[in-house]
Amino acid sequence: MKHEWKKAEKQFYLPKNKPELITVPSFKFFTINGKGNPNDNSFAEYISVLYSLSYAVKMSQKKGIVVEDYFDYAVYPLEGIWTLNNDAEKTPDGKFNKCDLIYKLMIRQPKFVTAGFAMKMVEMVKKKKPNSLLSEVNFEEITDGICIQMLHIGSYDSEPETFRLMHDFAEKENYIRTTQTHREIYLSDARKTPVEKLKTVLRFPVEKIRVFDYL
């Protein structure tokens, strides 16, 4: 039976549009690091490389490449971990310049994918679809741990409104954010979806406030 993340892993990918606590285990990813405005052409190139590798993994069995414990599955959505560089300053309207963004883009891989198999896929794609960015791709296991997450609907530029709700929830539940980075999971294709209907999972790690933190 085909593994459908939308059905089998709803807790990680289909939260409600209100804040919630979740514990996220370790997952495997193809990742690539970048910086600057996500509207630049290079951003789309990073995404293209990640999808090339992800579909190479999915189609490996049909290409006669044997991998132990393979199972059919739906390719996972694009994700990104975002932060700002140390010199970032707010613009007059209170926002940050997108050129100051730092990101790690990624696509999760099934549990049967080992580091060795992942690198084999990288080398295979290099031969069939050469791209200098393939040399910048890493295969990583990442653990988010205890987080607050929420479904954001609408423009990426309106995400601060959703983050405010998430921070209010954290304070109410006696949690504090452990880092200024946050994760975004893109459930919509921004090229085809109206801005007001874009769906993005927002998530950041937290820890419980201990009593002696106030002493």
N, C-alpha and C. Protein backbone atom coordinates (compact mmCIF):
# COMPACT_ATOMS: atom_id res chain seq x y z
N MET A 1 0.83 -1.20 0.00
CA MET A 1 0.00 0.00 0.00
C MET A 1 0.88 1.26 0.00
N LYS A 2 0.52 2.22 -0.82
CA LYS A 2 1.28 3.45 -0.92
C LYS A 2 1.19 4.28 0.35
N HIS A 3 2.33 4.75 0.82
CA HIS A 3 2.35 5.59 2.02
C HIS A 3 2.02 7.03 1.64
N GLU A 4 0.90 7.53 2.13
CA GLU A 4 0.47 8.90 1.85
C GLU A 4 0.65 9.73 3.11
N TRP A 5 1.60 10.67 3.10
CA TRP A 5 1.87 11.46 4.30
C TRP A 5 0.67 12.30 4.72
N LYS A 6 -0.17 12.69 3.77
CA LYS A 6 -1.35 13.48 4.11
C LYS A 6 -2.34 12.70 4.96
N LYS A 7 -2.31 11.37 4.81
CA LYS A 7 -3.23 10.53 5.57
C LYS A 7 -2.56 9.91 6.78
N ALA A 8 -1.34 9.43 6.61
CA ALA A 8 -0.67 8.68 7.67
C ALA A 8 0.05 9.56 8.68
N GLU A 9 0.36 10.79 8.31
CA GLU A 9 1.14 11.66 9.20
C GLU A 9 0.52 13.05 9.33
N LYS A 10 -0.78 13.06 9.54
CA LYS A 10 -1.51 14.32 9.63
C LYS A 10 -0.98 15.22 10.74
N GLN A 11 -0.52 14.60 11.83
CA GLN A 11 -0.09 15.40 12.97
C GLN A 11 1.10 16.29 12.65
N PHE A 12 1.90 15.89 11.67
CA PHE A 12 3.09 16.66 11.31
C PHE A 12 2.86 17.62 10.14
N TYR A 13 1.85 17.33 9.32
CA TYR A 13 1.70 18.10 8.09
C TYR A 13 0.35 18.79 7.91
N LEU A 14 -0.64 18.43 8.68
CA LEU A 14 -1.96 19.03 8.50
C LEU A 14 -2.55 19.50 9.83
N PRO A 15 -1.88 20.44 10.51
CA PRO A 15 -2.42 20.96 11.76
C PRO A 15 -3.60 21.89 11.48
N LYS A 16 -4.31 22.25 12.53
CA LYS A 16 -5.41 23.21 12.39
C LYS A 16 -4.85 24.63 12.39
N ASN A 17 -5.70 25.59 12.04
CA ASN A 17 -5.22 26.98 12.01
C ASN A 17 -5.38 27.63 13.38
N LYS A 18 -4.88 26.89 14.38
CA LYS A 18 -4.74 27.41 15.73
C LYS A 18 -3.53 26.74 16.36
N PRO A 19 -2.83 27.40 17.27
CA PRO A 19 -1.57 26.85 17.80
C PRO A 19 -1.78 25.54 18.55
N GLU A 20 -0.78 24.66 18.45
CA GLU A 20 -0.80 23.40 19.18
C GLU A 20 0.62 22.95 19.48
N LEU A 21 0.75 22.17 20.54
CA LEU A 21 2.03 21.57 20.90
C LEU A 21 2.19 20.24 20.18
N ILE A 22 3.41 19.94 19.78
CA ILE A 22 3.68 18.67 19.12
C ILE A 22 5.13 18.29 19.36
N THR A 23 5.38 16.99 19.45
CA THR A 23 6.76 16.50 19.54
C THR A 23 7.11 15.84 18.22
N VAL A 24 8.13 16.38 17.56
CA VAL A 24 8.51 15.93 16.22
C VAL A 24 9.79 15.08 16.33
N PRO A 25 9.74 13.82 15.90
CA PRO A 25 10.92 12.94 15.99
C PRO A 25 11.94 13.25 14.90
N SER A 26 12.97 12.42 14.81
CA SER A 26 14.00 12.59 13.79
C SER A 26 13.49 12.13 12.43
N PHE A 27 13.74 12.95 11.42
CA PHE A 27 13.41 12.60 10.04
C PHE A 27 14.64 12.84 9.17
N LYS A 28 14.69 12.14 8.03
CA LYS A 28 15.81 12.27 7.10
C LYS A 28 15.45 13.23 5.98
N PHE A 29 16.43 14.05 5.57
CA PHE A 29 16.18 15.06 4.55
C PHE A 29 17.35 15.21 3.58
N PHE A 30 17.03 15.54 2.35
CA PHE A 30 17.99 16.18 1.47
C PHE A 30 17.89 17.67 1.79
N THR A 31 19.02 18.34 2.02
CA THR A 31 18.99 19.75 2.39
C THR A 31 19.98 20.54 1.54
N ILE A 32 19.71 21.85 1.46
CA ILE A 32 20.64 22.76 0.79
C ILE A 32 20.52 24.12 1.45
N ASN A 33 21.64 24.75 1.71
CA ASN A 33 21.66 26.04 2.41
C ASN A 33 21.71 27.20 1.42
N GLY A 34 21.05 28.29 1.80
CA GLY A 34 21.06 29.47 0.95
C GLY A 34 20.84 30.73 1.76
N LYS A 35 20.90 31.85 1.10
CA LYS A 35 20.66 33.13 1.75
C LYS A 35 20.15 34.13 0.73
N GLY A 36 19.46 35.15 1.22
CA GLY A 36 18.96 36.19 0.34
C GLY A 36 17.47 36.10 0.09
N ASN A 37 17.01 36.89 -0.83
CA ASN A 37 15.59 37.02 -1.13
C ASN A 37 15.04 35.76 -1.81
N PRO A 38 14.00 35.14 -1.24
CA PRO A 38 13.44 33.93 -1.85
C PRO A 38 12.75 34.18 -3.19
N ASN A 39 12.60 35.44 -3.55
CA ASN A 39 12.03 35.76 -4.87
C ASN A 39 13.08 35.73 -5.97
N ASP A 40 14.35 35.58 -5.60
CA ASP A 40 15.43 35.51 -6.58
C ASP A 40 15.38 34.17 -7.33
N ASN A 41 15.93 34.16 -8.54
CA ASN A 41 15.91 32.95 -9.37
C ASN A 41 16.65 31.78 -8.73
N SER A 42 17.69 32.09 -7.94
CA SER A 42 18.49 31.03 -7.32
C SER A 42 17.64 30.18 -6.37
N PHE A 43 16.65 30.79 -5.75
CA PHE A 43 15.79 30.07 -4.82
C PHE A 43 15.05 28.94 -5.55
N ALA A 44 14.52 29.25 -6.72
CA ALA A 44 13.81 28.25 -7.51
C ALA A 44 14.74 27.13 -7.95
N GLU A 45 16.01 27.46 -8.21
CA GLU A 45 16.99 26.46 -8.59
C GLU A 45 17.25 25.48 -7.45
N TYR A 46 17.34 26.00 -6.23
CA TYR A 46 17.53 25.14 -5.05
C TYR A 46 16.38 24.14 -4.94
N ILE A 47 15.18 24.64 -5.12
CA ILE A 47 14.00 23.79 -5.02
C ILE A 47 14.03 22.71 -6.09
N SER A 48 14.37 23.10 -7.29
CA SER A 48 14.42 22.16 -8.42
C SER A 48 15.39 21.01 -8.14
N VAL A 49 16.55 21.33 -7.59
CA VAL A 49 17.55 20.31 -7.27
C VAL A 49 17.02 19.32 -6.24
N LEU A 50 16.36 19.83 -5.21
CA LEU A 50 15.82 18.95 -4.16
C LEU A 50 14.75 18.02 -4.71
N TYR A 51 13.91 18.54 -5.58
CA TYR A 51 12.87 17.69 -6.16
C TYR A 51 13.46 16.67 -7.14
N SER A 52 14.50 17.03 -7.85
CA SER A 52 15.15 16.08 -8.75
C SER A 52 15.65 14.86 -7.98
N LEU A 53 16.26 15.13 -6.84
CA LEU A 53 16.77 14.04 -6.00
C LEU A 53 15.64 13.24 -5.38
N SER A 54 14.61 13.92 -4.93
CA SER A 54 13.49 13.24 -4.27
C SER A 54 12.76 12.30 -5.22
N TYR A 55 12.59 12.74 -6.47
CA TYR A 55 11.93 11.87 -7.45
C TYR A 55 12.86 10.76 -7.94
N ALA A 56 14.16 11.01 -7.89
CA ALA A 56 15.10 9.94 -8.22
C ALA A 56 14.98 8.80 -7.21
N VAL A 57 14.83 9.15 -5.94
CA VAL A 57 14.64 8.14 -4.90
C VAL A 57 13.34 7.39 -5.12
N LYS A 58 12.26 8.13 -5.36
CA LYS A 58 10.96 7.50 -5.53
C LYS A 58 10.94 6.54 -6.73
N MET A 59 11.61 6.92 -7.81
CA MET A 59 11.57 6.11 -9.03
C MET A 59 12.68 5.07 -9.10
N SER A 60 13.52 4.99 -8.07
CA SER A 60 14.67 4.09 -8.11
C SER A 60 14.29 2.64 -8.34
N GLN A 61 13.21 2.20 -7.71
CA GLN A 61 12.79 0.81 -7.85
C GLN A 61 12.41 0.49 -9.29
N LYS A 62 11.71 1.43 -9.94
CA LYS A 62 11.30 1.22 -11.33
C LYS A 62 12.49 1.27 -12.28
N LYS A 63 13.57 1.92 -11.84
CA LYS A 63 14.78 2.02 -12.65
C LYS A 63 15.70 0.82 -12.43
N GLY A 64 15.23 -0.14 -11.61
CA GLY A 64 16.02 -1.33 -11.38
C GLY A 64 17.08 -1.19 -10.31
N ILE A 65 17.00 -0.12 -9.53
CA ILE A 65 17.97 0.09 -8.45
C ILE A 65 17.39 -0.51 -7.17
N VAL A 66 18.03 -1.54 -6.67
CA VAL A 66 17.51 -2.26 -5.50
C VAL A 66 17.91 -1.56 -4.22
N VAL A 67 16.94 -1.30 -3.36
CA VAL A 67 17.20 -0.73 -2.04
C VAL A 67 16.38 -1.52 -1.03
N GLU A 68 16.99 -1.89 0.05
CA GLU A 68 16.33 -2.73 1.05
C GLU A 68 15.17 -1.98 1.71
N ASP A 69 14.07 -2.70 1.90
CA ASP A 69 12.88 -2.19 2.60
C ASP A 69 12.16 -1.07 1.84
N TYR A 70 12.37 -1.00 0.53
CA TYR A 70 11.69 0.03 -0.26
C TYR A 70 10.18 -0.13 -0.16
N PHE A 71 9.45 0.99 -0.14
CA PHE A 71 7.99 0.97 -0.22
C PHE A 71 7.56 2.19 -1.04
N ASP A 72 6.41 2.07 -1.68
CA ASP A 72 5.90 3.17 -2.50
C ASP A 72 5.35 4.26 -1.58
N TYR A 73 5.46 5.50 -2.02
CA TYR A 73 5.06 6.60 -1.15
C TYR A 73 4.84 7.86 -1.99
N ALA A 74 4.17 8.83 -1.40
CA ALA A 74 4.02 10.14 -2.01
C ALA A 74 5.20 11.01 -1.59
N VAL A 75 5.81 11.70 -2.55
CA VAL A 75 6.94 12.57 -2.24
C VAL A 75 6.51 13.62 -1.23
N TYR A 76 7.37 13.86 -0.24
CA TYR A 76 7.05 14.80 0.83
C TYR A 76 7.14 16.24 0.34
N PRO A 77 6.50 17.17 1.04
CA PRO A 77 6.50 18.57 0.61
C PRO A 77 7.82 19.28 0.91
N LEU A 78 8.02 20.38 0.23
CA LEU A 78 9.18 21.23 0.47
C LEU A 78 9.07 21.86 1.87
N GLU A 79 10.22 21.96 2.55
CA GLU A 79 10.27 22.60 3.86
C GLU A 79 11.45 23.56 3.91
N GLY A 80 11.43 24.46 4.86
CA GLY A 80 12.55 25.37 5.03
C GLY A 80 12.70 25.81 6.46
N ILE A 81 13.94 25.94 6.91
CA ILE A 81 14.24 26.51 8.22
C ILE A 81 14.81 27.90 7.96
N TRP A 82 14.22 28.90 8.61
CA TRP A 82 14.52 30.30 8.31
C TRP A 82 15.04 31.07 9.51
N THR A 83 15.94 32.00 9.23
CA THR A 83 16.41 32.95 10.24
C THR A 83 16.94 34.17 9.50
N LEU A 84 17.53 35.13 10.25
CA LEU A 84 18.08 36.35 9.68
C LEU A 84 19.57 36.44 9.97
N ASN A 85 20.32 37.11 9.11
CA ASN A 85 21.74 37.28 9.40
C ASN A 85 21.93 38.27 10.55
N ASN A 86 23.11 38.30 11.09
CA ASN A 86 23.38 39.11 12.29
C ASN A 86 23.27 40.61 12.06
N ASP A 87 23.34 41.02 10.81
CA ASP A 87 23.28 42.46 10.50
C ASP A 87 21.90 42.93 10.08
N ALA A 88 20.93 42.04 10.18
CA ALA A 88 19.58 42.39 9.71
C ALA A 88 18.98 43.53 10.54
N GLU A 89 18.38 44.48 9.86
CA GLU A 89 17.72 45.60 10.51
C GLU A 89 16.32 45.78 9.92
N LYS A 90 15.41 46.26 10.76
CA LYS A 90 14.05 46.47 10.29
C LYS A 90 13.97 47.68 9.35
N THR A 91 13.09 47.58 8.38
CA THR A 91 12.83 48.70 7.46
C THR A 91 11.91 49.69 8.16
N PRO A 92 11.70 50.89 7.59
CA PRO A 92 10.83 51.90 8.22
C PRO A 92 9.42 51.40 8.53
N ASP A 93 8.91 50.43 7.77
CA ASP A 93 7.56 49.92 8.03
C ASP A 93 7.55 48.79 9.06
N GLY A 94 8.71 48.53 9.71
CA GLY A 94 8.77 47.53 10.78
C GLY A 94 9.05 46.12 10.32
N LYS A 95 9.32 45.93 9.06
CA LYS A 95 9.61 44.59 8.53
C LYS A 95 11.11 44.44 8.28
N PHE A 96 11.53 43.20 8.04
CA PHE A 96 12.93 42.95 7.73
C PHE A 96 13.12 42.84 6.23
N ASN A 97 14.28 43.23 5.78
CA ASN A 97 14.62 43.11 4.36
C ASN A 97 14.82 41.64 4.02
N LYS A 98 14.16 41.18 2.99
CA LYS A 98 14.25 39.76 2.62
C LYS A 98 15.66 39.36 2.17
N CYS A 99 16.47 40.33 1.80
CA CYS A 99 17.84 40.04 1.40
C CYS A 99 18.68 39.57 2.59
N ASP A 100 18.19 39.80 3.81
CA ASP A 100 18.91 39.41 5.03
C ASP A 100 18.54 38.01 5.51
N LEU A 101 17.70 37.31 4.75
CA LEU A 101 17.25 35.98 5.17
C LEU A 101 18.34 34.92 4.95
N ILE A 102 18.37 33.96 5.86
CA ILE A 102 19.23 32.78 5.74
C ILE A 102 18.30 31.56 5.85
N TYR A 103 18.49 30.58 4.96
CA TYR A 103 17.57 29.45 4.98
C TYR A 103 18.26 28.13 4.68
N LYS A 104 17.61 27.08 5.12
CA LYS A 104 17.99 25.71 4.77
C LYS A 104 16.73 25.08 4.19
N LEU A 105 16.74 24.83 2.88
CA LEU A 105 15.61 24.18 2.23
C LEU A 105 15.81 22.67 2.27
N MET A 106 14.68 21.94 2.30
CA MET A 106 14.80 20.48 2.44
C MET A 106 13.54 19.76 2.00
N ILE A 107 13.71 18.50 1.65
CA ILE A 107 12.59 17.61 1.40
C ILE A 107 12.86 16.31 2.14
N ARG A 108 11.90 15.91 2.95
CA ARG A 108 12.05 14.69 3.74
C ARG A 108 12.11 13.46 2.84
N GLN A 109 12.86 12.46 3.31
CA GLN A 109 13.00 11.19 2.59
C GLN A 109 12.47 10.03 3.43
N PRO A 110 11.99 8.97 2.80
CA PRO A 110 11.48 7.82 3.53
C PRO A 110 12.56 7.18 4.40
N LYS A 111 12.13 6.43 5.39
CA LYS A 111 13.09 5.86 6.35
C LYS A 111 14.02 4.82 5.74
N PHE A 112 13.65 4.26 4.57
CA PHE A 112 14.55 3.27 3.96
C PHE A 112 15.78 3.91 3.32
N VAL A 113 15.79 5.23 3.17
CA VAL A 113 16.92 5.92 2.53
C VAL A 113 18.07 6.06 3.52
N THR A 114 19.19 5.45 3.20
CA THR A 114 20.39 5.55 4.02
C THR A 114 21.29 6.65 3.44
N ALA A 115 22.29 7.04 4.20
CA ALA A 115 23.23 8.07 3.73
C ALA A 115 23.92 7.61 2.45
N GLY A 116 24.31 6.33 2.41
CA GLY A 116 24.97 5.81 1.24
C GLY A 116 24.08 5.82 0.01
N PHE A 117 22.84 5.41 0.18
CA PHE A 117 21.89 5.40 -0.93
C PHE A 117 21.60 6.82 -1.40
N ALA A 118 21.50 7.75 -0.45
CA ALA A 118 21.24 9.15 -0.79
C ALA A 118 22.35 9.71 -1.67
N MET A 119 23.59 9.43 -1.30
CA MET A 119 24.71 9.92 -2.09
C MET A 119 24.77 9.24 -3.47
N LYS A 120 24.31 8.01 -3.53
CA LYS A 120 24.23 7.31 -4.82
C LYS A 120 23.24 8.03 -5.73
N MET A 121 22.13 8.50 -5.15
CA MET A 121 21.13 9.25 -5.92
C MET A 121 21.70 10.58 -6.40
N VAL A 122 22.50 11.22 -5.57
CA VAL A 122 23.12 12.49 -5.96
C VAL A 122 24.02 12.28 -7.17
N GLU A 123 24.83 11.24 -7.12
CA GLU A 123 25.76 10.97 -8.23
C GLU A 123 24.99 10.60 -9.50
N MET A 124 23.90 9.88 -9.34
CA MET A 124 23.10 9.48 -10.51
C MET A 124 22.48 10.70 -11.16
N VAL A 125 21.92 11.61 -10.35
CA VAL A 125 21.29 12.82 -10.90
C VAL A 125 22.34 13.73 -11.53
N LYS A 126 23.54 13.77 -10.95
CA LYS A 126 24.62 14.58 -11.54
C LYS A 126 24.90 14.16 -12.98
N LYS A 127 24.82 12.86 -13.25
CA LYS A 127 25.11 12.35 -14.59
C LYS A 127 23.95 12.62 -15.56
N LYS A 128 22.71 12.46 -15.05
CA LYS A 128 21.54 12.58 -15.91
C LYS A 128 21.06 14.02 -16.06
N LYS A 129 21.21 14.79 -15.00
CA LYS A 129 20.72 16.17 -15.01
C LYS A 129 21.72 17.06 -14.29
N PRO A 130 22.87 17.31 -14.89
CA PRO A 130 23.94 18.05 -14.21
C PRO A 130 23.51 19.43 -13.71
N ASN A 131 23.94 19.73 -12.50
CA ASN A 131 23.66 21.04 -11.90
C ASN A 131 24.71 21.25 -10.80
N SER A 132 25.39 22.36 -10.85
CA SER A 132 26.46 22.62 -9.88
C SER A 132 25.94 22.62 -8.44
N LEU A 133 24.66 22.90 -8.26
CA LEU A 133 24.09 22.95 -6.91
C LEU A 133 24.03 21.56 -6.26
N LEU A 134 24.09 20.51 -7.06
CA LEU A 134 24.04 19.16 -6.50
C LEU A 134 25.20 18.91 -5.55
N SER A 135 26.31 19.58 -5.77
CA SER A 135 27.49 19.43 -4.90
C SER A 135 27.28 20.11 -3.55
N GLU A 136 26.24 20.93 -3.45
CA GLU A 136 25.94 21.63 -2.20
C GLU A 136 24.87 20.94 -1.37
N VAL A 137 24.31 19.87 -1.91
CA VAL A 137 23.25 19.15 -1.21
C VAL A 137 23.83 18.26 -0.13
N ASN A 138 23.17 18.23 1.02
CA ASN A 138 23.55 17.34 2.12
C ASN A 138 22.41 16.38 2.42
N PHE A 139 22.75 15.29 3.07
CA PHE A 139 21.74 14.36 3.57
C PHE A 139 21.84 14.38 5.09
N GLU A 140 20.76 14.81 5.75
CA GLU A 140 20.81 15.02 7.19
C GLU A 140 19.63 14.37 7.91
N GLU A 141 19.86 14.04 9.17
CA GLU A 141 18.78 13.61 10.05
C GLU A 141 18.55 14.75 11.04
N ILE A 142 17.32 15.27 11.07
CA ILE A 142 17.01 16.45 11.86
C ILE A 142 15.87 16.14 12.82
N THR A 143 16.03 16.59 14.07
CA THR A 143 15.01 16.40 15.09
C THR A 143 14.50 17.76 15.56
N ASP A 144 13.23 18.02 15.39
CA ASP A 144 12.66 19.29 15.86
C ASP A 144 12.32 19.24 17.34
N GLY A 145 11.94 18.06 17.84
CA GLY A 145 11.61 17.93 19.26
C GLY A 145 10.28 18.58 19.61
N ILE A 146 10.18 19.15 20.80
CA ILE A 146 8.94 19.78 21.26
C ILE A 146 8.78 21.12 20.56
N CYS A 147 7.65 21.31 19.91
CA CYS A 147 7.42 22.52 19.12
C CYS A 147 5.99 23.02 19.30
N ILE A 148 5.80 24.26 18.90
CA ILE A 148 4.46 24.80 18.69
C ILE A 148 4.31 24.99 17.19
N GLN A 149 3.19 24.53 16.66
CA GLN A 149 2.96 24.65 15.23
C GLN A 149 1.54 25.15 14.97
N MET A 150 1.34 25.63 13.75
CA MET A 150 0.01 26.15 13.37
C MET A 150 -0.05 26.25 11.86
N LEU A 151 -1.23 26.06 11.30
CA LEU A 151 -1.43 26.23 9.87
C LEU A 151 -1.66 27.71 9.58
N HIS A 152 -0.84 28.24 8.68
CA HIS A 152 -1.00 29.63 8.23
C HIS A 152 -1.65 29.62 6.86
N ILE A 153 -2.70 30.39 6.70
CA ILE A 153 -3.39 30.49 5.42
C ILE A 153 -3.23 31.92 4.89
N GLY A 154 -2.69 32.04 3.69
CA GLY A 154 -2.52 33.36 3.10
C GLY A 154 -1.09 33.65 2.71
N SER A 155 -0.81 34.91 2.48
CA SER A 155 0.49 35.36 2.02
C SER A 155 1.60 35.05 3.02
N TYR A 156 2.79 34.77 2.50
CA TYR A 156 3.95 34.58 3.37
C TYR A 156 4.25 35.87 4.14
N ASP A 157 3.92 37.01 3.55
CA ASP A 157 4.20 38.29 4.20
C ASP A 157 3.33 38.53 5.43
N SER A 158 2.23 37.78 5.56
CA SER A 158 1.35 37.95 6.72
C SER A 158 1.64 36.94 7.83
N GLU A 159 2.72 36.17 7.69
CA GLU A 159 3.07 35.18 8.70
C GLU A 159 3.27 35.76 10.11
N PRO A 160 3.79 37.00 10.25
CA PRO A 160 3.96 37.56 11.60
C PRO A 160 2.68 37.55 12.44
N GLU A 161 1.54 37.67 11.79
CA GLU A 161 0.27 37.63 12.52
C GLU A 161 0.06 36.25 13.14
N THR A 162 0.38 35.21 12.39
CA THR A 162 0.26 33.85 12.91
C THR A 162 1.28 33.58 13.99
N PHE A 163 2.50 34.07 13.81
CA PHE A 163 3.53 33.89 14.83
C PHE A 163 3.14 34.56 16.15
N ARG A 164 2.44 35.67 16.08
CA ARG A 164 1.98 36.33 17.31
C ARG A 164 1.02 35.43 18.08
N LEU A 165 0.14 34.76 17.35
CA LEU A 165 -0.79 33.83 18.00
C LEU A 165 -0.02 32.67 18.64
N MET A 166 1.01 32.20 17.96
CA MET A 166 1.82 31.09 18.47
C MET A 166 2.60 31.51 19.71
N HIS A 167 3.12 32.73 19.71
CA HIS A 167 3.85 33.21 20.88
C HIS A 167 2.92 33.41 22.07
N ASP A 168 1.72 33.90 21.80
CA ASP A 168 0.73 34.07 22.88
C ASP A 168 0.37 32.72 23.49
N PHE A 169 0.22 31.72 22.63
CA PHE A 169 -0.10 30.36 23.10
C PHE A 169 1.04 29.81 23.95
N ALA A 170 2.27 30.03 23.50
CA ALA A 170 3.44 29.55 24.25
C ALA A 170 3.47 30.17 25.64
N GLU A 171 3.23 31.46 25.71
CA GLU A 171 3.24 32.15 27.01
C GLU A 171 2.14 31.62 27.92
N LYS A 172 0.98 31.40 27.35
CA LYS A 172 -0.15 30.89 28.13
C LYS A 172 0.13 29.49 28.68
N GLU A 173 0.83 28.67 27.90
CA GLU A 173 1.11 27.29 28.29
C GLU A 173 2.45 27.15 29.02
N ASN A 174 3.08 28.28 29.34
CA ASN A 174 4.37 28.30 30.06
C ASN A 174 5.50 27.63 29.29
N TYR A 175 5.58 27.98 28.01
CA TYR A 175 6.69 27.54 27.17
C TYR A 175 7.44 28.76 26.64
N ILE A 176 8.72 28.57 26.39
CA ILE A 176 9.51 29.63 25.77
C ILE A 176 10.16 29.09 24.51
N ARG A 177 10.34 29.96 23.57
CA ARG A 177 10.99 29.60 22.31
C ARG A 177 12.48 29.40 22.55
N THR A 178 13.05 28.35 21.97
CA THR A 178 14.46 28.03 22.25
C THR A 178 15.42 28.58 21.19
N THR A 179 14.89 29.03 20.07
CA THR A 179 15.74 29.58 19.00
C THR A 179 14.91 30.52 18.15
N GLN A 180 15.57 31.43 17.48
CA GLN A 180 14.86 32.36 16.61
C GLN A 180 14.63 31.79 15.20
N THR A 181 15.15 30.60 14.95
CA THR A 181 14.84 29.95 13.67
C THR A 181 13.43 29.37 13.73
N HIS A 182 12.82 29.20 12.58
CA HIS A 182 11.52 28.54 12.53
C HIS A 182 11.44 27.70 11.26
N ARG A 183 10.53 26.75 11.29
CA ARG A 183 10.34 25.85 10.13
C ARG A 183 9.05 26.21 9.41
N GLU A 184 9.12 26.15 8.09
CA GLU A 184 7.94 26.31 7.26
C GLU A 184 7.78 25.07 6.38
N ILE A 185 6.57 24.55 6.29
CA ILE A 185 6.27 23.41 5.42
C ILE A 185 5.24 23.88 4.41
N TYR A 186 5.59 23.78 3.13
CA TYR A 186 4.77 24.37 2.08
C TYR A 186 3.80 23.34 1.50
N LEU A 187 2.53 23.50 1.84
CA LEU A 187 1.50 22.56 1.41
C LEU A 187 0.89 22.96 0.07
N SER A 188 1.19 24.18 -0.38
CA SER A 188 0.63 24.68 -1.64
C SER A 188 1.74 24.98 -2.64
N ASP A 189 1.42 24.91 -3.89
CA ASP A 189 2.34 25.32 -4.96
C ASP A 189 2.11 26.81 -5.20
N ALA A 190 3.07 27.63 -4.79
CA ALA A 190 2.91 29.08 -4.89
C ALA A 190 2.77 29.56 -6.34
N ARG A 191 3.19 28.74 -7.29
CA ARG A 191 3.09 29.12 -8.70
C ARG A 191 1.67 28.99 -9.23
N LYS A 192 0.86 28.16 -8.56
CA LYS A 192 -0.48 27.86 -9.07
C LYS A 192 -1.60 28.28 -8.12
N THR A 193 -1.27 28.56 -6.87
CA THR A 193 -2.28 28.83 -5.85
C THR A 193 -2.44 30.33 -5.60
N PRO A 194 -3.67 30.84 -5.58
CA PRO A 194 -3.88 32.25 -5.23
C PRO A 194 -3.26 32.56 -3.87
N VAL A 195 -2.67 33.73 -3.73
CA VAL A 195 -1.95 34.09 -2.50
C VAL A 195 -2.82 33.90 -1.27
N GLU A 196 -4.08 34.28 -1.35
CA GLU A 196 -4.95 34.21 -0.17
C GLU A 196 -5.29 32.78 0.23
N LYS A 197 -4.96 31.80 -0.63
CA LYS A 197 -5.28 30.40 -0.33
C LYS A 197 -4.03 29.56 -0.04
N LEU A 198 -2.87 30.17 -0.02
CA LEU A 198 -1.65 29.44 0.29
C LEU A 198 -1.73 28.82 1.68
N LYS A 199 -1.28 27.58 1.81
CA LYS A 199 -1.28 26.90 3.11
C LYS A 199 0.16 26.53 3.49
N THR A 200 0.57 26.99 4.67
CA THR A 200 1.94 26.78 5.13
C THR A 200 1.91 26.39 6.61
N VAL A 201 2.58 25.31 6.95
CA VAL A 201 2.72 24.95 8.36
C VAL A 201 3.88 25.77 8.93
N LEU A 202 3.62 26.47 10.03
CA LEU A 202 4.66 27.21 10.74
C LEU A 202 4.97 26.49 12.04
N ARG A 203 6.25 26.40 12.38
CA ARG A 203 6.64 25.63 13.57
C ARG A 203 7.93 26.19 14.16
N PHE A 204 7.99 26.29 15.49
CA PHE A 204 9.26 26.62 16.14
C PHE A 204 9.42 25.82 17.42
N PRO A 205 10.66 25.48 17.80
CA PRO A 205 10.92 24.66 18.99
C PRO A 205 10.75 25.46 20.27
N VAL A 206 10.28 24.77 21.31
CA VAL A 206 10.05 25.40 22.62
C VAL A 206 10.50 24.47 23.73
N GLU A 207 10.59 25.02 24.92
CA GLU A 207 10.81 24.20 26.11
C GLU A 207 9.96 24.75 27.24
N LYS A 208 9.63 23.89 28.19
CA LYS A 208 8.78 24.28 29.31
C LYS A 208 9.54 25.21 30.24
N ILE A 209 8.89 26.26 30.68
CA ILE A 209 9.51 27.17 31.65
C ILE A 209 9.53 26.49 33.01
N ARG A 210 10.70 26.43 33.61
CA ARG A 210 10.84 25.82 34.93
C ARG A 210 10.66 26.88 36.01
N VAL A 211 10.19 26.45 37.19
CA VAL A 211 9.90 27.39 38.26
C VAL A 211 11.14 28.19 38.64
N PHE A 212 12.31 27.53 38.70
CA PHE A 212 13.50 28.25 39.15
C PHE A 212 14.05 29.21 38.10
N ASP A 213 13.44 29.19 36.86
CA ASP A 213 13.83 30.19 35.88
C ASP A 213 13.42 31.60 36.32
N TYR A 214 12.44 31.65 37.25
CA TYR A 214 11.98 32.95 37.73
C TYR A 214 12.70 33.40 38.98
N LEU A 215 13.50 32.49 39.57
CA LEU A 215 14.14 32.80 40.86
C LEU A 215 15.48 33.49 40.65
